[in-house]
């Protein structure tokens, strides 16, 4: 009986020692399930813990970024679309807008002086525009202007050429008086050969009696 009990105790001890044995990697923990047994080293467990910590930190950072975006105004949160042009901002009071910054129709008006029938005097309504042109030229020392004079179809060819020349020269003189060097200005005449508007009647003629300022 004693030998049988001793044998049973020995078998039990062997079973206990087998359940606590080391794995194939040395220092290890045994993970058993109903279907298999897995050996996990202490190093692999530490790596798994570090990976889980990094993943948790990434999740926390993503939640913080989402919370920060939710507090921004809509205009700041939405990025500007590429290729969309927003256009120039408003001009501050008391400042002069350049012709390039003006709307197309206004820029067109800013370079044309219209005259009364058979007259060469510059009307008061165009003196402000000529002053702005003079200041722009003085701010750009390399720039120059050609002033082209025109007449409506009434009158002879030679007369209209002379009339267009006088109109162009009147604009040049006004620019010179405002400080623009004469060598940066040129006056030419096309008479009635280049009408801005085709047709007869005062509506067309009034658009053809003009001097145009063109960059050179």
N, C-alpha and C. Protein backbone atom coordinates (compact mmCIF):
# COMPACT_ATOMS: atom_id res chain seq x y z
N UNK A 1 0.82 -1.19 0.00
CA UNK A 1 0.00 0.00 0.00
C UNK A 1 0.86 1.25 0.00
N UNK A 2 1.95 1.24 0.87
CA UNK A 2 2.81 2.42 0.93
C UNK A 2 3.48 2.66 -0.40
N UNK A 3 3.93 1.63 -1.06
CA UNK A 3 4.59 1.82 -2.36
C UNK A 3 3.63 2.36 -3.40
N UNK A 4 2.39 1.94 -3.32
CA UNK A 4 1.40 2.47 -4.28
C UNK A 4 1.13 3.93 -4.02
N UNK A 5 1.03 4.33 -2.73
CA UNK A 5 0.79 5.75 -2.42
C UNK A 5 1.94 6.61 -2.82
N UNK A 6 3.14 6.04 -2.59
CA UNK A 6 4.33 6.80 -2.98
C UNK A 6 4.36 7.01 -4.47
N UNK A 7 3.98 6.00 -5.18
CA UNK A 7 3.94 6.14 -6.65
C UNK A 7 2.94 7.18 -7.08
N UNK A 8 1.79 7.18 -6.43
CA UNK A 8 0.78 8.18 -6.79
C UNK A 8 1.27 9.58 -6.49
N UNK A 9 1.94 9.76 -5.31
CA UNK A 9 2.48 11.08 -4.98
C UNK A 9 3.53 11.51 -5.98
N UNK A 10 4.33 10.59 -6.43
CA UNK A 10 5.37 10.93 -7.41
C UNK A 10 4.76 11.37 -8.72
N UNK A 11 3.72 10.65 -9.13
CA UNK A 11 3.04 11.03 -10.38
C UNK A 11 2.42 12.42 -10.27
N UNK A 12 1.83 12.74 -9.11
CA UNK A 12 1.23 14.07 -8.92
C UNK A 12 2.28 15.16 -8.99
N UNK A 13 3.44 14.87 -8.37
CA UNK A 13 4.52 15.87 -8.39
C UNK A 13 5.01 16.11 -9.79
N UNK A 14 5.12 15.04 -10.57
CA UNK A 14 5.55 15.19 -11.96
C UNK A 14 4.55 16.03 -12.75
N UNK A 15 3.27 15.80 -12.49
CA UNK A 15 2.24 16.59 -13.20
C UNK A 15 2.32 18.05 -12.85
N UNK A 16 2.54 18.36 -11.55
CA UNK A 16 2.65 19.77 -11.13
C UNK A 16 3.85 20.42 -11.77
N UNK A 17 4.98 19.69 -11.78
CA UNK A 17 6.19 20.25 -12.39
C UNK A 17 6.00 20.44 -13.87
N UNK A 18 5.29 19.58 -14.53
CA UNK A 18 5.04 19.73 -15.98
C UNK A 18 4.20 20.95 -16.25
N UNK A 19 3.22 21.27 -15.38
CA UNK A 19 2.38 22.46 -15.59
C UNK A 19 3.11 23.73 -15.39
N UNK A 20 4.26 23.74 -14.70
CA UNK A 20 5.01 24.97 -14.42
C UNK A 20 6.35 24.99 -15.15
N UNK A 21 6.52 24.17 -16.13
CA UNK A 21 7.81 24.10 -16.81
C UNK A 21 8.06 25.31 -17.68
N UNK A 22 9.31 25.57 -18.03
CA UNK A 22 9.67 26.68 -18.91
C UNK A 22 9.44 26.28 -20.35
N UNK A 23 9.20 27.29 -21.20
CA UNK A 23 8.90 27.03 -22.61
C UNK A 23 10.15 26.94 -23.42
N UNK A 24 9.97 26.80 -24.70
CA UNK A 24 11.09 26.62 -25.58
C UNK A 24 11.96 27.86 -25.69
N UNK A 25 11.47 29.06 -25.25
CA UNK A 25 12.23 30.29 -25.35
C UNK A 25 12.92 30.66 -24.03
N UNK A 26 12.89 29.79 -23.04
CA UNK A 26 13.48 30.10 -21.74
C UNK A 26 12.43 30.63 -20.80
N UNK A 27 12.59 31.91 -20.32
CA UNK A 27 11.64 32.52 -19.40
C UNK A 27 10.35 32.80 -20.15
N UNK A 28 9.26 32.08 -19.82
CA UNK A 28 8.03 32.20 -20.60
C UNK A 28 6.84 31.93 -19.72
N UNK A 29 5.69 32.33 -20.24
CA UNK A 29 4.41 32.07 -19.58
C UNK A 29 3.63 31.15 -20.49
N UNK A 30 2.96 30.14 -19.90
CA UNK A 30 2.17 29.20 -20.69
C UNK A 30 0.73 29.68 -20.73
N UNK A 31 0.18 29.79 -21.95
CA UNK A 31 -1.23 30.15 -22.14
C UNK A 31 -1.90 28.93 -22.74
N UNK A 32 -2.85 28.32 -22.02
CA UNK A 32 -3.52 27.11 -22.48
C UNK A 32 -4.97 27.40 -22.80
N UNK A 33 -5.46 26.80 -23.83
CA UNK A 33 -6.88 26.83 -24.14
C UNK A 33 -7.34 25.39 -24.28
N UNK A 34 -8.61 25.21 -24.57
CA UNK A 34 -9.14 23.85 -24.70
C UNK A 34 -8.57 23.15 -25.92
N UNK A 35 -8.06 23.92 -26.91
CA UNK A 35 -7.61 23.32 -28.15
C UNK A 35 -6.10 23.36 -28.34
N UNK A 36 -5.38 24.30 -27.70
CA UNK A 36 -3.96 24.44 -27.97
C UNK A 36 -3.24 25.05 -26.80
N UNK A 37 -1.93 25.03 -26.87
CA UNK A 37 -1.07 25.64 -25.87
C UNK A 37 -0.13 26.60 -26.57
N UNK A 38 -0.03 27.89 -26.09
CA UNK A 38 0.81 28.91 -26.71
C UNK A 38 1.86 29.37 -25.73
N UNK A 39 3.12 29.48 -26.17
CA UNK A 39 4.22 29.96 -25.35
C UNK A 39 4.48 31.43 -25.70
N UNK A 40 4.40 32.32 -24.74
CA UNK A 40 4.65 33.75 -24.95
C UNK A 40 5.81 34.19 -24.09
N UNK A 41 6.89 34.69 -24.71
CA UNK A 41 8.05 35.14 -23.95
C UNK A 41 7.75 36.47 -23.29
N UNK A 42 8.52 36.80 -22.28
CA UNK A 42 8.34 38.10 -21.60
C UNK A 42 8.65 39.25 -22.54
N UNK A 43 9.62 39.04 -23.48
CA UNK A 43 9.95 40.09 -24.44
C UNK A 43 8.78 40.37 -25.38
N UNK A 44 8.12 39.31 -25.86
CA UNK A 44 6.99 39.53 -26.77
C UNK A 44 5.83 40.18 -26.07
N UNK A 45 5.63 39.85 -24.82
CA UNK A 45 4.54 40.50 -24.07
C UNK A 45 4.83 41.98 -23.88
N UNK A 46 6.10 42.33 -23.64
CA UNK A 46 6.46 43.74 -23.49
C UNK A 46 6.26 44.50 -24.80
N UNK A 47 6.61 43.87 -25.93
CA UNK A 47 6.42 44.51 -27.24
C UNK A 47 4.94 44.72 -27.52
N UNK A 48 4.11 43.73 -27.16
CA UNK A 48 2.68 43.87 -27.37
C UNK A 48 2.11 45.01 -26.54
N UNK A 49 2.59 45.12 -25.31
CA UNK A 49 2.12 46.21 -24.44
C UNK A 49 2.51 47.57 -25.00
N UNK A 50 3.75 47.67 -25.54
CA UNK A 50 4.20 48.93 -26.12
C UNK A 50 3.37 49.29 -27.34
N UNK A 51 3.06 48.31 -28.19
CA UNK A 51 2.25 48.57 -29.38
C UNK A 51 0.86 49.04 -29.00
N UNK A 52 0.29 48.43 -27.97
CA UNK A 52 -1.03 48.84 -27.51
C UNK A 52 -0.98 50.28 -26.97
N UNK A 53 0.10 50.64 -26.29
CA UNK A 53 0.23 52.00 -25.76
C UNK A 53 0.32 53.01 -26.89
N UNK A 54 1.08 52.66 -27.95
CA UNK A 54 1.17 53.57 -29.10
C UNK A 54 -0.17 53.73 -29.79
N UNK A 55 -0.91 52.65 -29.95
CA UNK A 55 -2.22 52.72 -30.59
C UNK A 55 -3.17 53.58 -29.79
N UNK A 56 -3.12 53.44 -28.45
CA UNK A 56 -3.99 54.25 -27.60
C UNK A 56 -3.63 55.73 -27.70
N UNK A 57 -2.31 56.04 -27.77
CA UNK A 57 -1.89 57.44 -27.92
C UNK A 57 -2.38 58.02 -29.23
N UNK A 58 -2.34 57.23 -30.32
CA UNK A 58 -2.82 57.69 -31.62
C UNK A 58 -4.31 57.97 -31.58
N UNK A 59 -5.07 57.09 -30.90
CA UNK A 59 -6.52 57.31 -30.79
C UNK A 59 -6.82 58.58 -29.99
N UNK A 60 -6.05 58.79 -28.90
CA UNK A 60 -6.26 60.01 -28.10
C UNK A 60 -5.95 61.27 -28.91
N UNK A 61 -4.88 61.24 -29.73
CA UNK A 61 -4.52 62.40 -30.55
C UNK A 61 -5.59 62.68 -31.59
N UNK A 62 -6.16 61.62 -32.19
CA UNK A 62 -7.21 61.82 -33.20
C UNK A 62 -8.44 62.44 -32.58
N UNK A 63 -8.81 61.99 -31.36
CA UNK A 63 -9.97 62.59 -30.70
C UNK A 63 -9.73 64.06 -30.35
N UNK A 64 -8.50 64.39 -29.92
CA UNK A 64 -8.18 65.79 -29.59
C UNK A 64 -8.23 66.67 -30.83
N UNK A 65 -7.73 66.17 -31.98
CA UNK A 65 -7.76 66.96 -33.21
C UNK A 65 -9.19 67.19 -33.67
N UNK A 66 -10.04 66.17 -33.56
CA UNK A 66 -11.44 66.32 -33.96
C UNK A 66 -12.15 67.34 -33.08
N UNK A 67 -11.84 67.32 -31.78
CA UNK A 67 -12.45 68.29 -30.87
C UNK A 67 -12.00 69.70 -31.19
N UNK A 68 -10.71 69.89 -31.58
CA UNK A 68 -10.21 71.22 -31.93
C UNK A 68 -10.87 71.75 -33.19
N UNK A 69 -11.05 70.87 -34.20
CA UNK A 69 -11.69 71.32 -35.45
C UNK A 69 -13.13 71.73 -35.22
N UNK A 70 -13.82 71.08 -34.29
CA UNK A 70 -15.22 71.39 -34.07
C UNK A 70 -15.41 72.77 -33.46
N UNK A 71 -14.35 73.35 -32.86
CA UNK A 71 -14.45 74.69 -32.25
C UNK A 71 -14.12 75.80 -33.22
N UNK A 72 -13.59 75.50 -34.45
CA UNK A 72 -13.22 76.53 -35.42
C UNK A 72 -14.46 77.05 -36.12
N UNK A 73 -14.47 78.36 -36.56
CA UNK A 73 -15.55 78.84 -37.42
C UNK A 73 -15.50 78.16 -38.77
N UNK A 74 -16.64 78.13 -39.45
CA UNK A 74 -16.74 77.41 -40.72
C UNK A 74 -15.75 77.93 -41.74
N UNK A 75 -15.54 79.27 -41.78
CA UNK A 75 -14.64 79.85 -42.78
C UNK A 75 -13.20 79.43 -42.56
N UNK A 76 -12.81 79.20 -41.28
CA UNK A 76 -11.45 78.79 -41.01
C UNK A 76 -11.27 77.29 -41.19
N UNK A 77 -12.33 76.50 -40.88
CA UNK A 77 -12.20 75.05 -40.99
C UNK A 77 -12.18 74.59 -42.43
N UNK A 78 -12.85 75.33 -43.33
CA UNK A 78 -12.92 74.90 -44.73
C UNK A 78 -11.74 75.45 -45.50
N UNK A 79 -10.90 74.62 -46.10
CA UNK A 79 -9.74 75.13 -46.85
C UNK A 79 -10.17 75.83 -48.13
N UNK A 80 -9.34 76.80 -48.58
CA UNK A 80 -9.58 77.49 -49.83
C UNK A 80 -9.36 76.53 -50.99
N UNK A 81 -10.32 76.49 -51.92
CA UNK A 81 -10.19 75.60 -53.05
C UNK A 81 -9.12 76.09 -53.99
N UNK A 82 -8.26 75.17 -54.44
CA UNK A 82 -7.17 75.53 -55.35
C UNK A 82 -7.73 76.01 -56.67
N UNK A 83 -7.09 77.04 -57.22
CA UNK A 83 -7.49 77.52 -58.54
C UNK A 83 -8.65 78.49 -58.52
N UNK A 84 -9.21 78.75 -57.32
CA UNK A 84 -10.33 79.68 -57.25
C UNK A 84 -9.77 81.06 -56.99
N UNK A 85 -10.12 81.77 -57.73
CA UNK A 85 -9.63 83.13 -57.63
C UNK A 85 -10.63 83.94 -56.84
N UNK A 86 -10.15 84.67 -55.81
CA UNK A 86 -11.05 85.45 -54.98
C UNK A 86 -11.20 86.89 -55.44
N UNK A 87 -10.25 87.38 -56.27
CA UNK A 87 -10.35 88.74 -56.78
C UNK A 87 -9.76 89.73 -55.81
N UNK A 88 -9.52 90.99 -56.25
CA UNK A 88 -8.91 91.99 -55.38
C UNK A 88 -9.85 92.43 -54.29
N UNK A 89 -9.31 92.79 -53.16
CA UNK A 89 -10.12 93.27 -52.06
C UNK A 89 -10.55 94.71 -52.28
N UNK A 90 -11.38 95.24 -51.36
CA UNK A 90 -11.84 96.62 -51.51
C UNK A 90 -10.69 97.60 -51.36
N UNK A 91 -10.79 98.72 -52.06
CA UNK A 91 -9.77 99.75 -52.00
C UNK A 91 -10.06 100.65 -50.82
N UNK A 92 -9.04 100.89 -50.00
CA UNK A 92 -9.22 101.73 -48.82
C UNK A 92 -9.55 103.15 -49.23
N UNK A 93 -10.41 103.84 -48.46
CA UNK A 93 -10.74 105.22 -48.79
C UNK A 93 -9.50 106.09 -48.85
N UNK A 94 -9.45 106.97 -49.83
CA UNK A 94 -8.33 107.89 -49.97
C UNK A 94 -7.18 107.34 -50.77
N UNK A 95 -7.26 106.08 -51.22
CA UNK A 95 -6.20 105.51 -52.03
C UNK A 95 -6.64 105.44 -53.47
N UNK A 96 -5.65 105.35 -54.39
CA UNK A 96 -5.95 105.34 -55.82
C UNK A 96 -5.82 103.92 -56.35
N UNK A 97 -6.86 103.43 -57.00
CA UNK A 97 -6.79 102.11 -57.63
C UNK A 97 -6.13 102.25 -58.99
N UNK A 98 -5.24 101.30 -59.32
CA UNK A 98 -4.62 101.32 -60.64
C UNK A 98 -5.63 100.89 -61.69
N UNK A 99 -5.33 101.20 -62.97
CA UNK A 99 -6.25 100.81 -64.04
C UNK A 99 -6.38 99.31 -64.13
N UNK A 100 -5.30 98.55 -63.78
CA UNK A 100 -5.37 97.10 -63.86
C UNK A 100 -6.33 96.52 -62.83
N UNK A 101 -6.54 97.22 -61.70
CA UNK A 101 -7.41 96.72 -60.65
C UNK A 101 -8.86 97.12 -60.86
N UNK A 102 -9.15 97.94 -61.84
CA UNK A 102 -10.50 98.40 -62.08
C UNK A 102 -11.28 97.36 -62.87
N UNK A 103 -12.62 97.35 -62.76
CA UNK A 103 -13.43 96.50 -63.63
C UNK A 103 -13.18 96.87 -65.09
N UNK A 104 -13.39 95.93 -66.03
CA UNK A 104 -13.04 96.18 -67.44
C UNK A 104 -13.64 97.46 -68.01
N UNK A 105 -14.91 97.69 -67.78
CA UNK A 105 -15.55 98.88 -68.35
C UNK A 105 -14.97 100.16 -67.76
N UNK A 106 -14.72 100.15 -66.44
CA UNK A 106 -14.17 101.34 -65.80
C UNK A 106 -12.73 101.59 -66.26
N UNK A 107 -11.95 100.51 -66.44
CA UNK A 107 -10.59 100.67 -66.94
C UNK A 107 -10.60 101.25 -68.34
N UNK A 108 -11.58 100.85 -69.15
CA UNK A 108 -11.70 101.41 -70.50
C UNK A 108 -11.97 102.91 -70.43
N UNK A 109 -12.87 103.32 -69.56
CA UNK A 109 -13.18 104.74 -69.42
C UNK A 109 -11.97 105.51 -68.91
N UNK A 110 -11.17 104.89 -68.06
CA UNK A 110 -10.03 105.56 -67.45
C UNK A 110 -8.92 105.87 -68.44
N UNK A 111 -8.98 105.38 -69.67
CA UNK A 111 -7.92 105.67 -70.63
C UNK A 111 -8.41 106.46 -71.83
N UNK A 112 -9.64 106.97 -71.79
CA UNK A 112 -10.20 107.70 -72.93
C UNK A 112 -10.70 109.07 -72.48
N UNK A 113 -10.34 110.08 -73.24
CA UNK A 113 -10.85 111.44 -73.04
C UNK A 113 -11.74 111.78 -74.24
N UNK A 114 -12.97 112.16 -73.99
CA UNK A 114 -13.90 112.53 -75.07
C UNK A 114 -13.97 114.05 -75.19
N UNK A 115 -14.20 114.52 -76.44
CA UNK A 115 -14.20 115.96 -76.73
C UNK A 115 -15.54 116.38 -77.32
N UNK A 116 -15.82 117.68 -77.16
CA UNK A 116 -16.98 118.26 -77.82
C UNK A 116 -16.71 118.41 -79.31
N UNK A 117 -17.76 118.64 -80.06
CA UNK A 117 -17.64 118.77 -81.51
C UNK A 117 -16.71 119.92 -81.88
N UNK A 118 -15.71 119.60 -82.71
CA UNK A 118 -14.77 120.56 -83.26
C UNK A 118 -13.98 121.31 -82.19
N UNK A 119 -13.81 120.65 -81.00
CA UNK A 119 -13.07 121.30 -79.92
C UNK A 119 -11.90 120.43 -79.49
N UNK A 120 -10.91 121.09 -78.86
CA UNK A 120 -9.71 120.38 -78.39
C UNK A 120 -9.47 120.58 -76.89
N UNK A 121 -10.36 121.34 -76.23
CA UNK A 121 -10.18 121.57 -74.80
C UNK A 121 -10.60 120.32 -74.00
N UNK A 122 -9.84 120.05 -72.96
CA UNK A 122 -10.16 118.90 -72.10
C UNK A 122 -11.24 119.33 -71.12
N UNK A 123 -12.33 118.59 -71.09
CA UNK A 123 -13.42 118.92 -70.18
C UNK A 123 -13.03 118.59 -68.75
N UNK A 124 -13.65 119.32 -67.81
CA UNK A 124 -13.31 119.16 -66.39
C UNK A 124 -13.48 117.72 -65.90
N UNK A 125 -14.44 117.00 -66.43
CA UNK A 125 -14.72 115.65 -65.94
C UNK A 125 -13.57 114.67 -66.17
N UNK A 126 -12.62 115.02 -67.08
CA UNK A 126 -11.50 114.12 -67.37
C UNK A 126 -10.20 114.53 -66.69
N UNK A 127 -10.22 115.66 -66.01
CA UNK A 127 -8.98 116.13 -65.39
C UNK A 127 -8.53 115.23 -64.24
N UNK A 128 -9.46 114.67 -63.49
CA UNK A 128 -9.10 113.74 -62.43
C UNK A 128 -8.43 112.48 -62.97
N UNK A 129 -8.95 111.97 -64.08
CA UNK A 129 -8.36 110.79 -64.69
C UNK A 129 -6.95 111.07 -65.19
N UNK A 130 -6.75 112.22 -65.81
CA UNK A 130 -5.42 112.58 -66.29
C UNK A 130 -4.45 112.74 -65.12
N UNK A 131 -4.93 113.31 -64.03
CA UNK A 131 -4.08 113.43 -62.83
C UNK A 131 -3.67 112.05 -62.31
N UNK A 132 -4.60 111.09 -62.29
CA UNK A 132 -4.26 109.74 -61.85
C UNK A 132 -3.24 109.09 -62.78
N UNK A 133 -3.40 109.33 -64.08
CA UNK A 133 -2.44 108.77 -65.04
C UNK A 133 -1.05 109.38 -64.82
N UNK A 134 -1.02 110.66 -64.55
CA UNK A 134 0.27 111.32 -64.31
C UNK A 134 0.96 110.74 -63.08
N UNK A 135 0.22 110.54 -62.01
CA UNK A 135 0.82 109.98 -60.80
C UNK A 135 1.30 108.54 -61.03
N UNK A 136 0.56 107.78 -61.81
CA UNK A 136 0.99 106.41 -62.12
C UNK A 136 2.27 106.42 -62.93
N UNK A 137 2.38 107.33 -63.87
CA UNK A 137 3.60 107.42 -64.68
C UNK A 137 4.79 107.87 -63.85
N UNK A 138 4.57 108.79 -62.94
CA UNK A 138 5.66 109.25 -62.09
C UNK A 138 6.13 108.15 -61.13
N UNK A 139 5.22 107.25 -60.78
CA UNK A 139 5.59 106.14 -59.90
C UNK A 139 6.30 105.01 -60.65
N UNK A 140 6.24 105.03 -61.98
CA UNK A 140 6.89 103.99 -62.81
C UNK A 140 7.79 104.68 -63.82
N UNK A 141 9.04 104.98 -63.45
CA UNK A 141 9.92 105.80 -64.31
C UNK A 141 10.19 105.23 -65.69
N UNK A 142 10.01 103.92 -65.88
CA UNK A 142 10.29 103.33 -67.18
C UNK A 142 9.06 103.33 -68.10
N UNK A 143 7.91 103.71 -67.58
CA UNK A 143 6.68 103.65 -68.37
C UNK A 143 6.53 104.87 -69.26
N UNK A 144 5.83 104.69 -70.37
CA UNK A 144 5.52 105.79 -71.28
C UNK A 144 4.11 105.62 -71.83
N UNK A 145 3.62 106.66 -72.46
CA UNK A 145 2.25 106.66 -72.98
C UNK A 145 2.24 107.25 -74.39
N UNK A 146 1.47 106.61 -75.26
CA UNK A 146 1.15 107.16 -76.58
C UNK A 146 -0.29 107.64 -76.51
N UNK A 147 -0.51 108.91 -76.86
CA UNK A 147 -1.87 109.47 -76.87
C UNK A 147 -2.32 109.53 -78.33
N UNK A 148 -3.38 108.79 -78.63
CA UNK A 148 -3.90 108.73 -80.01
C UNK A 148 -5.13 109.62 -80.13
N UNK A 149 -5.06 110.60 -81.03
CA UNK A 149 -6.16 111.52 -81.23
C UNK A 149 -7.07 111.07 -82.37
N UNK A 150 -8.40 111.27 -82.22
CA UNK A 150 -9.38 110.83 -83.21
C UNK A 150 -10.45 111.91 -83.41
N UNK A 151 -11.12 111.84 -84.56
CA UNK A 151 -12.21 112.77 -84.87
C UNK A 151 -13.37 111.98 -85.46
N UNK A 152 -14.56 112.59 -85.46
CA UNK A 152 -15.68 111.91 -86.13
C UNK A 152 -15.58 112.13 -87.63
N UNK A 153 -16.50 111.59 -88.38
CA UNK A 153 -16.38 111.56 -89.84
C UNK A 153 -16.67 112.89 -90.52
N UNK A 154 -17.22 113.82 -89.81
CA UNK A 154 -17.51 115.11 -90.43
C UNK A 154 -16.23 115.92 -90.63
N UNK A 155 -16.11 116.59 -91.73
CA UNK A 155 -14.90 117.36 -92.06
C UNK A 155 -14.03 116.60 -93.03
N UNK A 156 -13.10 117.31 -93.65
CA UNK A 156 -12.20 116.69 -94.61
C UNK A 156 -11.13 115.87 -93.91
N UNK A 157 -10.46 115.04 -94.70
CA UNK A 157 -9.45 114.14 -94.14
C UNK A 157 -8.32 114.91 -93.46
N UNK A 158 -7.77 115.91 -94.15
CA UNK A 158 -6.66 116.66 -93.58
C UNK A 158 -7.10 117.42 -92.33
N UNK A 159 -8.30 117.98 -92.39
CA UNK A 159 -8.80 118.73 -91.23
C UNK A 159 -8.94 117.79 -90.02
N UNK A 160 -9.48 116.60 -90.24
CA UNK A 160 -9.68 115.67 -89.13
C UNK A 160 -8.35 115.14 -88.57
N UNK A 161 -7.35 114.96 -89.44
CA UNK A 161 -6.04 114.57 -88.95
C UNK A 161 -5.45 115.65 -88.04
N UNK A 162 -5.59 116.91 -88.47
CA UNK A 162 -5.07 118.01 -87.66
C UNK A 162 -5.85 118.13 -86.34
N UNK A 163 -7.17 117.91 -86.41
CA UNK A 163 -7.99 118.00 -85.20
C UNK A 163 -7.63 116.89 -84.21
N UNK A 164 -7.42 115.67 -84.72
CA UNK A 164 -7.01 114.57 -83.84
C UNK A 164 -5.66 114.82 -83.21
N UNK A 165 -4.74 115.44 -83.97
CA UNK A 165 -3.42 115.74 -83.43
C UNK A 165 -3.51 116.76 -82.29
N UNK A 166 -4.32 117.78 -82.48
CA UNK A 166 -4.47 118.80 -81.44
C UNK A 166 -5.07 118.20 -80.17
N UNK A 167 -6.00 117.26 -80.32
CA UNK A 167 -6.60 116.63 -79.15
C UNK A 167 -5.57 115.78 -78.40
N UNK A 168 -4.76 115.05 -79.14
CA UNK A 168 -3.72 114.24 -78.50
C UNK A 168 -2.70 115.14 -77.79
N UNK A 169 -2.31 116.23 -78.45
CA UNK A 169 -1.33 117.13 -77.85
C UNK A 169 -1.89 117.82 -76.62
N UNK A 170 -3.20 118.07 -76.57
CA UNK A 170 -3.80 118.69 -75.39
C UNK A 170 -3.64 117.77 -74.17
N UNK A 171 -3.82 116.47 -74.37
CA UNK A 171 -3.65 115.52 -73.27
C UNK A 171 -2.18 115.43 -72.85
N UNK A 172 -1.28 115.44 -73.84
CA UNK A 172 0.15 115.39 -73.53
C UNK A 172 0.55 116.61 -72.71
N UNK A 173 0.09 117.79 -73.11
CA UNK A 173 0.44 119.01 -72.37
C UNK A 173 -0.05 118.93 -70.93
N UNK A 174 -1.26 118.39 -70.74
CA UNK A 174 -1.79 118.26 -69.38
C UNK A 174 -0.92 117.34 -68.53
N UNK A 175 -0.43 116.25 -69.11
CA UNK A 175 0.44 115.34 -68.38
C UNK A 175 1.79 115.99 -68.06
N UNK A 176 2.32 116.75 -68.99
CA UNK A 176 3.59 117.44 -68.76
C UNK A 176 3.45 118.46 -67.64
N UNK A 177 2.35 119.18 -67.63
CA UNK A 177 2.12 120.17 -66.57
C UNK A 177 2.04 119.50 -65.19
N UNK A 178 1.68 118.21 -65.17
CA UNK A 178 1.59 117.47 -63.91
C UNK A 178 2.91 116.79 -63.55
N UNK A 179 3.96 117.06 -64.34
CA UNK A 179 5.29 116.58 -63.99
C UNK A 179 5.83 115.41 -64.79
N UNK A 180 5.08 114.88 -65.75
CA UNK A 180 5.56 113.76 -66.54
C UNK A 180 6.56 114.27 -67.58
N UNK A 181 7.75 113.67 -67.67
CA UNK A 181 8.73 114.13 -68.66
C UNK A 181 8.20 113.99 -70.09
N UNK A 182 8.38 114.99 -70.93
CA UNK A 182 7.87 114.94 -72.31
C UNK A 182 8.41 113.77 -73.13
N UNK A 183 9.65 113.33 -72.83
CA UNK A 183 10.21 112.26 -73.64
C UNK A 183 9.56 110.90 -73.37
N UNK A 184 8.69 110.83 -72.40
CA UNK A 184 7.95 109.60 -72.14
C UNK A 184 6.55 109.63 -72.73
N UNK A 185 6.26 110.69 -73.47
CA UNK A 185 4.93 110.88 -74.05
C UNK A 185 5.03 111.08 -75.55
N UNK A 186 3.99 110.64 -76.25
CA UNK A 186 3.95 110.81 -77.71
C UNK A 186 2.51 111.06 -78.13
N UNK A 187 2.32 112.03 -79.03
CA UNK A 187 0.99 112.35 -79.55
C UNK A 187 0.93 112.00 -81.02
N UNK A 188 -0.08 111.21 -81.41
CA UNK A 188 -0.29 110.84 -82.81
C UNK A 188 -1.76 111.03 -83.14
N UNK A 189 -2.06 111.15 -84.44
CA UNK A 189 -3.44 111.35 -84.88
C UNK A 189 -3.82 110.32 -85.94
N UNK A 190 -5.04 109.83 -85.82
CA UNK A 190 -5.61 108.96 -86.84
C UNK A 190 -6.82 109.59 -87.53
N UNK A 191 -7.10 110.85 -87.17
CA UNK A 191 -8.23 111.53 -87.81
C UNK A 191 -9.52 110.74 -87.63
N UNK A 192 -10.22 110.54 -88.74
CA UNK A 192 -11.48 109.79 -88.69
C UNK A 192 -11.34 108.36 -89.22
N UNK A 193 -10.10 107.88 -89.33
CA UNK A 193 -9.86 106.57 -89.95
C UNK A 193 -10.09 105.38 -89.01
N UNK A 194 -10.18 105.62 -87.73
CA UNK A 194 -10.37 104.52 -86.77
C UNK A 194 -11.52 104.85 -85.82
N UNK A 195 -12.74 104.85 -86.33
CA UNK A 195 -13.88 105.16 -85.46
C UNK A 195 -14.09 104.06 -84.40
N UNK A 196 -14.45 104.47 -83.20
CA UNK A 196 -14.77 103.50 -82.15
C UNK A 196 -16.15 102.90 -82.36
N UNK A 197 -17.05 103.68 -82.97
CA UNK A 197 -18.43 103.24 -83.22
C UNK A 197 -18.76 103.54 -84.67
N UNK A 198 -19.28 102.55 -85.36
CA UNK A 198 -19.71 102.76 -86.74
C UNK A 198 -21.11 103.38 -86.77
N UNK A 199 -21.36 104.21 -87.76
CA UNK A 199 -22.69 104.80 -87.90
C UNK A 199 -22.64 106.31 -87.91
N UNK A 200 -23.80 106.89 -88.15
CA UNK A 200 -23.93 108.34 -88.19
C UNK A 200 -24.87 108.78 -87.08
N UNK A 201 -24.83 110.08 -86.80
CA UNK A 201 -25.64 110.61 -85.71
C UNK A 201 -24.78 110.90 -84.50
N UNK A 202 -25.29 111.76 -83.64
CA UNK A 202 -24.51 112.23 -82.50
C UNK A 202 -24.10 111.11 -81.55
N UNK A 203 -24.92 110.07 -81.42
CA UNK A 203 -24.58 108.99 -80.51
C UNK A 203 -23.28 108.31 -80.95
N UNK A 204 -23.10 108.09 -82.23
CA UNK A 204 -21.85 107.50 -82.73
C UNK A 204 -20.74 108.53 -82.77
N UNK A 205 -21.03 109.73 -83.25
CA UNK A 205 -19.99 110.75 -83.39
C UNK A 205 -19.36 111.11 -82.04
N UNK A 206 -20.18 111.16 -80.98
CA UNK A 206 -19.65 111.54 -79.66
C UNK A 206 -18.65 110.51 -79.13
N UNK A 207 -18.78 109.26 -79.56
CA UNK A 207 -17.83 108.22 -79.14
C UNK A 207 -16.54 108.24 -79.96
N UNK A 208 -16.58 108.89 -81.12
CA UNK A 208 -15.41 108.93 -82.00
C UNK A 208 -14.54 110.16 -81.79
N UNK A 209 -15.07 111.20 -81.17
CA UNK A 209 -14.27 112.39 -80.86
C UNK A 209 -13.53 112.14 -79.54
N UNK A 210 -12.30 111.64 -79.66
CA UNK A 210 -11.67 111.14 -78.44
C UNK A 210 -10.15 111.17 -78.57
N UNK A 211 -9.49 110.99 -77.42
CA UNK A 211 -8.05 110.73 -77.34
C UNK A 211 -7.87 109.54 -76.41
N UNK A 212 -7.12 108.55 -76.87
CA UNK A 212 -6.89 107.34 -76.10
C UNK A 212 -5.45 107.29 -75.59
N UNK A 213 -5.29 106.98 -74.32
CA UNK A 213 -3.97 106.85 -73.70
C UNK A 213 -3.60 105.37 -73.69
N UNK A 214 -2.51 105.04 -74.37
CA UNK A 214 -2.06 103.64 -74.46
C UNK A 214 -0.62 103.52 -73.98
N UNK A 215 -0.38 102.47 -73.23
CA UNK A 215 0.98 102.24 -72.73
C UNK A 215 1.93 101.91 -73.89
N UNK A 216 3.17 102.33 -73.74
CA UNK A 216 4.16 101.98 -74.77
C UNK A 216 5.41 101.39 -74.12
